[in-house]
Amino acid sequence: MNMIIKISIILVVLIQGGFFPNTYLLAGMLYACLLLSGKRKAYINIPVFTCFAILLLSYILSGLTHNFSMSEYKQVFQILACIFLYFLLSEHYIRGDNSLWDGIIIGAIISAYAGIMAYIGFDIIPDMISRARLQGLMQYANATAIYLSMGLLLINDLKKYHWAKPGLLIALQLTISVGGILAYIAGVIIYSLLQKRGNRIEVIIQEGLEFVVAACFAAAIYISLYIANVKPLGAAIAIAGCIAGFIWKKVFCTISLKKWLIIPGLVLGLLEGAGVFLYRGKEAAATFAERIMHSRDGIKAIMSNPLFGLGPGRWAIKKAAWQSMDYRAQLIHNSYIQIAVNAGIPALICVFLIILLWFNKKGKKPIECAVIGSLLLHGLIDCSFYFTGIILAAITIAMTYRDEIKQIYHLNINKWIIKAFAGTALAAMVIFYWKYVI
């Protein structure tokens, strides 16, 4: 079962882009089938499951309140897919370990390498590159950046994938996503601060040097392709950067101990920052200001109907009534505000409670906190939670370590209750997919 879930996470990440936005339905159907074939009970955390159930109910009631047709219930099934994965990862289905992280990292590796190939001219699918920015298989630079960040951070715990780190770092920087890169840096800082006192500086130095050297490769690729217009040179640099992964760990484990490298590393880092600022500073500032406006407009819409919001997906067709300025974005670039716009303040409260319960959970690894922390921060400035692959990966990471078995807030759910729930939902998803997607 572990292998099936790994493959499903990889596939949802790789095919969820603009061409296949409804893959969460396929993931939900797969997870429902796995629940139907299960032989054991699910051991769930009552508060977390209650929050998931109320979140689902909020979306359903919001749709009913706004007289939705069946074709508009897409996001309800997206939440169902997340609930099914939560059941599968609960005790008595899969024991908590980090073997499922392989799927997340492999998905990131494939996404990074496919993106670099497209960047140097070997397009796999159209629209992976836009205005010299790597959009990736998700066809959205910021989503690609945050997912690559998740993979990069997890590699620190699964050392066997360290050879892929330069490729992921180069791909991350070719997205030129200011928010995604800052989220990754925030994750590195969280990870380093949670290390033992003597290791914190060493981690920061090594991660910083790796980031800066990868930035040199990314800058050289960009200059070769878009300034010097020498495509073979750009391809050669990209290949060299990826191949460097096989000596990457050994080299940086050595040079990170040489304190004199801190100053040139800082200089290179400042030069990179200055280059990104000159290239995207004005645009990034304007984008950030627009996203603040998204949130303000979204809050006004929420206040008009705090209990049920505007309805899942309705912002795209109703935003004209709330817009303070003209913008084309179909989603509010603040995942939390978007949830409340979709289904009301109760839905947002449930999401916050799930996050709070995770923060209070014992046994979390530093790397888990770094990955989830960077994603939660990124959600403040982007629609990260819209991408099912990212959310399924986050649930997988958050569920890896759980509290001790016998706790007052845990409950065994009879397998037949789960099968009835999964069977009913599976039938609904199959009908929906057949009628409104195919």
Protein backbone atom coordinates (compact mmCIF):
# COMPACT_ATOMS: atom_id res chain seq x y z
CA MET A 1 0.00 0.00 0.00
CA ASN A 2 2.90 2.34 0.71
CA MET A 3 4.09 1.96 -2.88
CA ILE A 4 0.63 2.74 -4.29
CA ILE A 5 0.39 5.93 -2.21
CA LYS A 6 3.92 6.97 -3.25
CA ILE A 7 3.06 6.53 -6.92
CA SER A 8 -0.24 8.39 -6.51
CA ILE A 9 1.48 11.41 -4.95
CA ILE A 10 4.08 11.46 -7.74
CA LEU A 11 1.42 11.25 -10.45
CA VAL A 12 -0.84 13.92 -8.93
CA VAL A 13 2.13 16.29 -8.71
CA LEU A 14 3.29 15.57 -12.25
CA ILE A 15 -0.05 15.76 -14.08
CA GLN A 16 -2.05 18.28 -12.08
CA GLY A 17 -1.06 21.27 -14.19
CA GLY A 18 -3.30 23.31 -16.44
CA PHE A 19 -3.94 20.35 -18.75
CA PHE A 20 -5.23 18.03 -16.00
CA PRO A 21 -6.66 20.14 -13.15
CA ASN A 22 -9.10 17.43 -12.00
CA THR A 23 -6.60 14.70 -11.06
CA TYR A 24 -7.64 14.95 -7.40
CA LEU A 25 -10.76 13.03 -8.45
CA LEU A 26 -8.59 10.15 -9.66
CA ALA A 27 -6.55 10.28 -6.44
CA GLY A 28 -9.75 10.32 -4.37
CA MET A 29 -11.14 7.30 -6.25
CA LEU A 30 -7.87 5.40 -5.76
CA TYR A 31 -7.80 6.14 -2.02
CA ALA A 32 -11.46 5.15 -1.68
CA CYS A 33 -10.69 1.81 -3.35
CA LEU A 34 -7.77 1.26 -0.96
CA LEU A 35 -10.07 1.96 1.98
CA LEU A 36 -12.61 -0.52 0.62
CA SER A 37 -9.93 -3.19 0.33
CA GLY A 38 -8.55 -2.54 3.84
CA LYS A 39 -8.92 -5.21 6.52
CA ARG A 40 -8.29 -3.17 9.66
CA LYS A 41 -9.80 -0.33 11.61
CA ALA A 42 -8.63 3.27 11.34
CA TYR A 43 -7.18 4.81 14.47
CA ILE A 44 -7.97 8.51 14.21
CA ASN A 45 -7.44 11.64 16.22
CA ILE A 46 -10.95 12.83 17.11
CA PRO A 47 -10.29 16.62 17.06
CA VAL A 48 -8.47 16.45 13.72
CA PHE A 49 -11.11 14.28 12.10
CA THR A 50 -13.88 16.51 13.48
CA CYS A 51 -12.22 19.53 11.87
CA PHE A 52 -11.94 17.69 8.54
CA ALA A 53 -15.62 16.68 8.76
CA ILE A 54 -16.79 20.24 9.52
CA LEU A 55 -14.58 21.58 6.73
CA LEU A 56 -16.20 19.17 4.27
CA LEU A 57 -19.67 20.02 5.56
CA SER A 58 -18.94 23.76 5.24
CA TYR A 59 -18.12 23.36 1.55
CA ILE A 60 -21.22 21.24 0.94
CA LEU A 61 -23.53 23.67 2.78
CA SER A 62 -21.94 26.64 1.02
CA GLY A 63 -22.75 25.03 -2.32
CA LEU A 64 -26.32 24.27 -1.26
CA THR A 65 -26.81 27.81 0.06
CA HIS A 66 -25.70 29.29 -3.25
CA ASN A 67 -27.82 26.85 -5.33
CA PHE A 68 -24.86 25.06 -6.87
CA SER A 69 -25.32 22.61 -9.67
CA MET A 70 -23.51 19.26 -9.38
CA SER A 71 -20.84 20.41 -11.84
CA GLU A 72 -19.67 23.03 -9.32
CA TYR A 73 -18.83 20.62 -6.51
CA LYS A 74 -15.23 20.03 -7.57
CA GLN A 75 -13.60 21.33 -4.40
CA VAL A 76 -15.82 19.14 -2.21
CA PHE A 77 -14.21 16.10 -3.84
CA GLN A 78 -10.77 17.63 -3.38
CA ILE A 79 -11.36 17.73 0.38
CA LEU A 80 -12.69 14.14 0.25
CA ALA A 81 -9.41 13.02 -1.33
CA CYS A 82 -7.54 14.61 1.58
CA ILE A 83 -9.81 12.91 4.15
CA PHE A 84 -9.32 9.52 2.48
CA LEU A 85 -5.54 9.95 2.58
CA TYR A 86 -5.83 10.91 6.26
CA PHE A 87 -7.67 7.64 6.91
CA LEU A 88 -5.08 5.64 5.00
CA LEU A 89 -2.24 7.20 6.94
CA SER A 90 -3.97 6.69 10.28
CA GLU A 91 -2.92 3.91 12.63
CA HIS A 92 -3.78 0.32 11.58
CA TYR A 93 -3.48 1.19 7.89
CA ILE A 94 0.11 2.37 7.62
CA ARG A 95 2.58 2.60 10.47
CA GLY A 96 4.27 5.95 10.84
CA ASP A 97 7.63 6.10 9.08
CA ASN A 98 9.20 8.33 6.49
CA SER A 99 9.17 5.83 3.63
CA LEU A 100 6.38 7.81 1.94
CA TRP A 101 8.71 10.80 1.73
CA ASP A 102 10.40 8.98 -1.16
CA GLY A 103 7.36 9.66 -3.32
CA ILE A 104 7.44 13.38 -2.54
CA ILE A 105 11.16 13.66 -3.30
CA ILE A 106 10.96 11.55 -6.47
CA GLY A 107 8.11 13.77 -7.69
CA ALA A 108 10.27 16.83 -7.02
CA ILE A 109 13.26 15.29 -8.82
CA ILE A 110 11.22 14.43 -11.91
CA SER A 111 9.62 17.88 -11.89
CA ALA A 112 13.02 19.61 -11.53
CA TYR A 113 14.79 17.62 -14.24
CA ALA A 114 11.86 17.87 -16.66
CA GLY A 115 11.76 21.63 -15.99
CA ILE A 116 15.49 22.07 -16.64
CA MET A 117 15.19 20.08 -19.89
CA ALA A 118 12.33 22.31 -21.01
CA TYR A 119 14.32 25.40 -20.03
CA ILE A 120 17.22 24.45 -22.31
CA GLY A 121 14.89 23.64 -25.20
CA PHE A 122 13.74 20.03 -24.79
CA ASP A 123 10.05 20.67 -24.16
CA ILE A 124 8.05 17.74 -22.80
CA ILE A 125 4.74 19.59 -22.74
CA PRO A 126 3.94 23.16 -23.82
CA ASP A 127 3.84 26.15 -21.46
CA MET A 128 6.52 24.92 -19.05
CA ILE A 129 8.47 28.14 -19.72
CA SER A 130 6.98 31.63 -19.74
CA ARG A 131 8.94 34.88 -19.99
CA ALA A 132 12.19 33.06 -19.14
CA ARG A 133 10.60 31.66 -15.96
CA LEU A 134 10.31 27.95 -15.28
CA GLN A 135 6.61 27.18 -14.77
CA GLY A 136 7.24 23.45 -14.38
CA LEU A 137 4.84 20.57 -14.86
CA MET A 138 2.34 22.35 -12.62
CA GLN A 139 2.48 25.20 -15.13
CA TYR A 140 2.64 27.74 -12.32
CA ALA A 141 6.06 28.96 -11.19
CA ASN A 142 5.15 29.63 -7.57
CA ALA A 143 3.52 26.21 -7.03
CA THR A 144 6.49 24.51 -8.67
CA ALA A 145 8.85 26.52 -6.44
CA ILE A 146 7.14 25.60 -3.16
CA TYR A 147 6.96 21.92 -4.11
CA LEU A 148 10.65 21.92 -5.06
CA SER A 149 11.33 23.58 -1.70
CA MET A 150 9.51 20.75 0.08
CA GLY A 151 11.59 18.18 -1.78
CA LEU A 152 14.84 20.04 -1.09
CA LEU A 153 14.17 20.24 2.63
CA LEU A 154 13.24 16.55 2.86
CA ILE A 155 16.52 15.60 1.16
CA ASN A 156 18.29 16.83 4.30
CA ASP A 157 16.70 13.91 6.13
CA LEU A 158 16.88 11.32 3.32
CA LYS A 159 20.57 11.63 2.45
CA LYS A 160 20.37 9.01 -0.32
CA TYR A 161 18.85 11.67 -2.58
CA HIS A 162 21.54 14.27 -1.95
CA TRP A 163 22.85 13.76 -5.49
CA ALA A 164 19.69 15.47 -6.80
CA LYS A 165 20.03 18.56 -4.63
CA PRO A 166 21.82 20.82 -7.17
CA GLY A 167 19.23 19.98 -9.84
CA LEU A 168 16.39 20.92 -7.50
CA LEU A 169 18.16 24.11 -6.39
CA ILE A 170 18.82 25.16 -9.99
CA ALA A 171 15.21 24.47 -10.98
CA LEU A 172 13.94 26.37 -7.93
CA GLN A 173 15.96 29.43 -8.89
CA LEU A 174 14.98 29.24 -12.55
CA THR A 175 11.34 29.69 -11.46
CA ILE A 176 12.47 33.17 -10.34
CA SER A 177 9.65 32.91 -7.78
CA VAL A 178 10.49 35.41 -5.06
CA GLY A 179 7.83 33.96 -2.74
CA GLY A 180 8.91 30.36 -3.36
CA ILE A 181 12.59 31.13 -2.82
CA LEU A 182 11.86 33.10 0.36
CA ALA A 183 9.70 30.20 1.61
CA TYR A 184 12.61 27.83 1.04
CA ILE A 185 14.98 30.15 2.89
CA ALA A 186 12.47 30.33 5.75
CA GLY A 187 12.36 26.52 5.83
CA VAL A 188 16.16 26.33 6.00
CA ILE A 189 16.20 28.84 8.87
CA ILE A 190 13.52 26.86 10.77
CA TYR A 191 15.46 23.64 10.19
CA SER A 192 18.74 25.14 11.39
CA LEU A 193 17.22 26.73 14.50
CA LEU A 194 15.80 23.35 15.55
CA GLN A 195 19.22 21.67 15.39
CA LYS A 196 21.41 21.10 18.41
CA ARG A 197 23.15 24.29 19.50
CA GLY A 198 26.54 23.28 18.10
CA ASN A 199 25.19 22.36 14.67
CA ARG A 200 23.11 25.43 13.86
CA ILE A 201 25.85 27.59 12.34
CA GLU A 202 27.28 24.65 10.37
CA VAL A 203 23.86 23.88 8.84
CA ILE A 204 23.28 27.53 7.88
CA ILE A 205 26.75 27.82 6.30
CA GLN A 206 26.44 24.61 4.28
CA GLU A 207 22.89 25.33 3.10
CA GLY A 208 23.84 28.91 2.25
CA LEU A 209 26.90 27.89 0.24
CA GLU A 210 24.94 25.22 -1.65
CA PHE A 211 22.23 27.75 -2.46
CA VAL A 212 24.72 30.34 -3.71
CA VAL A 213 26.71 27.92 -5.88
CA ALA A 214 23.49 26.58 -7.42
CA ALA A 215 22.49 30.20 -8.06
CA CYS A 216 25.70 30.66 -10.05
CA PHE A 217 24.73 27.72 -12.27
CA ALA A 218 21.18 29.09 -12.68
CA ALA A 219 22.47 32.58 -13.53
CA ALA A 220 24.94 31.15 -16.05
CA ILE A 221 22.17 29.13 -17.72
CA TYR A 222 19.93 32.20 -17.92
CA ILE A 223 22.71 34.43 -19.32
CA SER A 224 23.71 31.81 -21.90
CA LEU A 225 20.15 31.31 -23.13
CA TYR A 226 18.58 34.75 -22.90
CA ILE A 227 21.42 37.27 -23.04
CA ALA A 228 24.31 35.65 -24.93
CA ASN A 229 21.83 33.49 -26.91
CA VAL A 230 24.24 30.53 -26.94
CA LYS A 231 21.89 27.60 -26.34
CA PRO A 232 24.52 24.80 -26.45
CA LEU A 233 26.46 26.58 -23.68
CA GLY A 234 23.32 26.91 -21.54
CA ALA A 235 22.55 23.22 -22.04
CA ALA A 236 26.13 22.25 -21.14
CA ILE A 237 26.02 24.33 -17.93
CA ALA A 238 22.65 22.81 -16.96
CA ILE A 239 23.97 19.28 -17.49
CA ALA A 240 27.15 20.07 -15.57
CA GLY A 241 25.10 21.46 -12.67
CA CYS A 242 23.01 18.30 -12.47
CA ILE A 243 26.02 15.99 -12.77
CA ALA A 244 27.73 17.96 -9.99
CA GLY A 245 25.24 16.32 -7.63
CA PHE A 246 27.36 13.17 -7.53
CA ILE A 247 30.20 15.06 -5.80
CA TRP A 248 28.01 17.73 -4.20
CA LYS A 249 27.73 16.26 -0.71
CA LYS A 250 31.42 15.46 -0.40
CA VAL A 251 32.50 18.89 -1.62
CA PHE A 252 30.17 20.90 0.60
CA CYS A 253 30.72 18.78 3.69
CA THR A 254 34.38 19.78 3.31
CA ILE A 255 34.13 23.45 2.38
CA SER A 256 31.40 24.21 4.93
CA LEU A 257 34.03 23.72 7.62
CA LYS A 258 36.22 26.46 6.12
CA LYS A 259 35.05 29.61 7.82
CA TRP A 260 36.93 31.90 5.41
CA LEU A 261 34.43 30.92 2.69
CA ILE A 262 31.64 32.71 4.55
CA ILE A 263 32.66 36.14 3.22
CA PRO A 264 32.88 35.21 -0.50
CA GLY A 265 29.68 33.21 -0.05
CA LEU A 266 27.94 36.27 1.38
CA VAL A 267 29.24 38.41 -1.48
CA LEU A 268 27.94 35.95 -4.07
CA GLY A 269 24.63 35.77 -2.21
CA LEU A 270 24.31 39.55 -2.23
CA LEU A 271 25.14 39.66 -5.94
CA GLU A 272 22.46 37.07 -6.61
CA GLY A 273 19.95 39.01 -4.52
CA ALA A 274 20.84 42.19 -6.40
CA GLY A 275 20.43 40.40 -9.73
CA VAL A 276 16.99 39.05 -8.82
CA PHE A 277 15.99 42.48 -7.52
CA LEU A 278 17.09 44.21 -10.73
CA TYR A 279 15.38 41.59 -12.88
CA ARG A 280 12.14 41.10 -10.95
CA GLY A 281 12.19 43.65 -8.12
CA LYS A 282 9.70 46.08 -9.61
CA GLU A 283 7.42 43.34 -10.91
CA ALA A 284 7.60 41.40 -7.62
CA ALA A 285 6.75 44.51 -5.61
CA ALA A 286 3.77 45.24 -7.86
CA THR A 287 2.66 41.60 -7.62
CA PHE A 288 2.94 41.67 -3.84
CA ALA A 289 0.89 44.88 -3.66
CA GLU A 290 -1.76 43.30 -5.89
CA ARG A 291 -1.91 40.24 -3.66
CA ILE A 292 -2.45 42.41 -0.61
CA MET A 293 -5.34 43.91 -2.53
CA HIS A 294 -6.65 40.39 -3.25
CA SER A 295 -6.76 39.71 0.47
CA ARG A 296 -8.48 43.01 1.27
CA ASP A 297 -11.11 42.43 -1.39
CA GLY A 298 -11.55 38.86 -0.19
CA ILE A 299 -12.12 40.01 3.39
CA LYS A 300 -14.84 42.38 2.18
CA ALA A 301 -16.51 39.49 0.38
CA ILE A 302 -16.26 37.31 3.48
CA MET A 303 -17.89 39.97 5.62
CA SER A 304 -20.88 39.97 3.28
CA ASN A 305 -21.51 36.29 4.03
CA PRO A 306 -19.31 35.15 6.93
CA LEU A 307 -21.10 31.85 7.50
CA PHE A 308 -20.93 30.30 4.01
CA GLY A 309 -18.74 32.66 1.96
CA LEU A 310 -19.42 33.15 -1.75
CA GLY A 311 -19.34 29.43 -2.56
CA PRO A 312 -16.49 27.19 -3.75
CA GLY A 313 -15.01 28.55 -6.97
CA ARG A 314 -17.39 31.53 -7.12
CA TRP A 315 -14.73 34.19 -6.57
CA ALA A 316 -13.69 33.96 -10.22
CA ILE A 317 -17.17 34.97 -11.44
CA LYS A 318 -18.18 37.29 -8.58
CA LYS A 319 -14.96 39.18 -7.89
CA ALA A 320 -16.04 42.20 -9.98
CA ALA A 321 -18.41 43.19 -7.16
CA TRP A 322 -15.52 43.38 -4.68
CA GLN A 323 -12.46 44.39 -6.72
CA SER A 324 -10.72 47.59 -5.63
CA MET A 325 -8.62 47.51 -8.79
CA ASP A 326 -8.62 45.57 -12.04
CA TYR A 327 -6.70 42.28 -11.92
CA ARG A 328 -7.00 39.04 -13.87
CA ALA A 329 -6.23 36.53 -11.10
CA GLN A 330 -9.03 33.97 -10.74
CA LEU A 331 -7.97 32.99 -7.20
CA ILE A 332 -7.08 35.08 -4.18
CA HIS A 333 -3.35 34.74 -3.66
CA ASN A 334 -3.77 34.05 0.03
CA SER A 335 -4.79 30.44 0.63
CA TYR A 336 -6.42 31.21 3.98
CA ILE A 337 -8.57 34.06 2.70
CA GLN A 338 -9.53 31.94 -0.33
CA ILE A 339 -10.81 29.16 1.96
CA ALA A 340 -13.04 31.60 3.85
CA VAL A 341 -14.29 33.10 0.56
CA ASN A 342 -15.09 29.60 -0.65
CA ALA A 343 -16.95 28.27 2.39
CA GLY A 344 -17.06 30.87 5.15
CA ILE A 345 -15.26 31.60 8.39
CA PRO A 346 -16.13 28.20 10.00
CA ALA A 347 -14.15 26.47 7.25
CA LEU A 348 -11.16 28.71 7.87
CA ILE A 349 -11.37 28.10 11.63
CA CYS A 350 -11.28 24.33 10.96
CA VAL A 351 -8.12 24.73 8.87
CA PHE A 352 -6.47 26.80 11.61
CA LEU A 353 -7.44 24.19 14.22
CA ILE A 354 -5.93 21.38 12.12
CA ILE A 355 -2.70 23.40 11.90
CA LEU A 356 -2.77 24.15 15.64
CA LEU A 357 -3.31 20.47 16.48
CA TRP A 358 -0.34 19.59 14.31
CA PHE A 359 1.82 22.19 16.10
CA ASN A 360 0.88 20.60 19.44
CA LYS A 361 1.70 17.08 18.24
CA LYS A 362 4.65 15.36 19.89
CA GLY A 363 7.52 13.64 18.13
CA LYS A 364 7.89 16.02 15.18
CA LYS A 365 11.24 16.06 13.43
CA PRO A 366 12.96 19.39 12.68
CA ILE A 367 12.70 18.71 8.96
CA GLU A 368 8.94 18.13 9.25
CA CYS A 369 8.54 21.49 10.97
CA ALA A 370 10.69 23.15 8.30
CA VAL A 371 8.67 21.74 5.38
CA ILE A 372 5.22 22.39 6.83
CA GLY A 373 6.30 25.77 8.20
CA SER A 374 7.57 26.97 4.81
CA LEU A 375 4.35 25.83 3.12
CA LEU A 376 2.13 27.57 5.69
CA LEU A 377 4.09 30.80 5.27
CA HIS A 378 3.88 30.56 1.49
CA GLY A 379 0.11 30.15 1.80
CA LEU A 380 -0.08 33.74 3.05
CA ILE A 381 1.03 35.10 -0.32
CA ASP A 382 -0.15 32.48 -2.79
CA CYS A 383 -2.83 29.93 -3.64
CA SER A 384 -0.59 26.96 -2.70
CA PHE A 385 -3.47 25.02 -1.11
CA TYR A 386 -5.30 24.96 -4.46
CA PHE A 387 -2.80 22.37 -5.76
CA THR A 388 -3.89 18.92 -4.61
CA GLY A 389 -0.44 17.41 -5.04
CA ILE A 390 1.06 19.92 -2.62
CA ILE A 391 -1.69 19.36 -0.03
CA LEU A 392 -1.46 15.54 -0.27
CA ALA A 393 2.31 15.79 0.20
CA ALA A 394 1.83 18.04 3.25
CA ILE A 395 -0.69 15.63 4.82
CA THR A 396 1.74 12.76 4.24
CA ILE A 397 4.54 14.62 6.01
CA ALA A 398 2.31 15.79 8.88
CA MET A 399 0.95 12.28 9.46
CA THR A 400 4.35 10.56 9.50
CA TYR A 401 4.89 11.13 13.21
CA ARG A 402 1.95 10.81 15.55
CA ASP A 403 1.30 10.77 19.28
CA GLU A 404 1.59 7.65 21.41
CA ILE A 405 -1.02 5.00 20.65
CA LYS A 406 -3.42 5.04 23.61
CA GLN A 407 -4.61 8.60 23.97
CA ILE A 408 -7.92 9.96 25.18
CA TYR A 409 -8.40 11.92 21.95
CA HIS A 410 -8.04 8.89 19.68
CA LEU A 411 -10.73 6.51 18.47
CA ASN A 412 -10.91 3.20 16.64
CA ILE A 413 -13.39 3.38 13.77
CA ASN A 414 -14.99 0.13 12.65
CA LYS A 415 -13.81 -0.97 9.21
CA TRP A 416 -17.39 -1.31 7.96
CA ILE A 417 -18.14 2.34 8.78
CA ILE A 418 -15.09 3.35 6.75
CA LYS A 419 -16.06 1.04 3.89
CA ALA A 420 -19.60 2.45 3.79
CA PHE A 421 -18.26 6.03 3.77
CA ALA A 422 -15.63 5.23 1.13
CA GLY A 423 -18.06 3.27 -1.06
CA THR A 424 -20.67 6.02 -1.08
CA ALA A 425 -18.09 8.71 -1.84
CA LEU A 426 -16.46 6.54 -4.52
CA ALA A 427 -19.79 6.14 -6.32
CA ALA A 428 -20.35 9.92 -6.19
CA MET A 429 -16.85 10.63 -7.55
CA VAL A 430 -17.20 8.11 -10.38
CA ILE A 431 -20.56 9.60 -11.44
CA PHE A 432 -19.17 13.14 -11.19
CA TYR A 433 -16.04 12.24 -13.18
CA TRP A 434 -18.03 10.43 -15.87
CA LYS A 435 -20.64 13.17 -16.24
CA TYR A 436 -18.69 16.40 -15.77
CA VAL A 437 -15.02 15.68 -16.53
CA ILE A 438 -14.78 13.09 -19.30
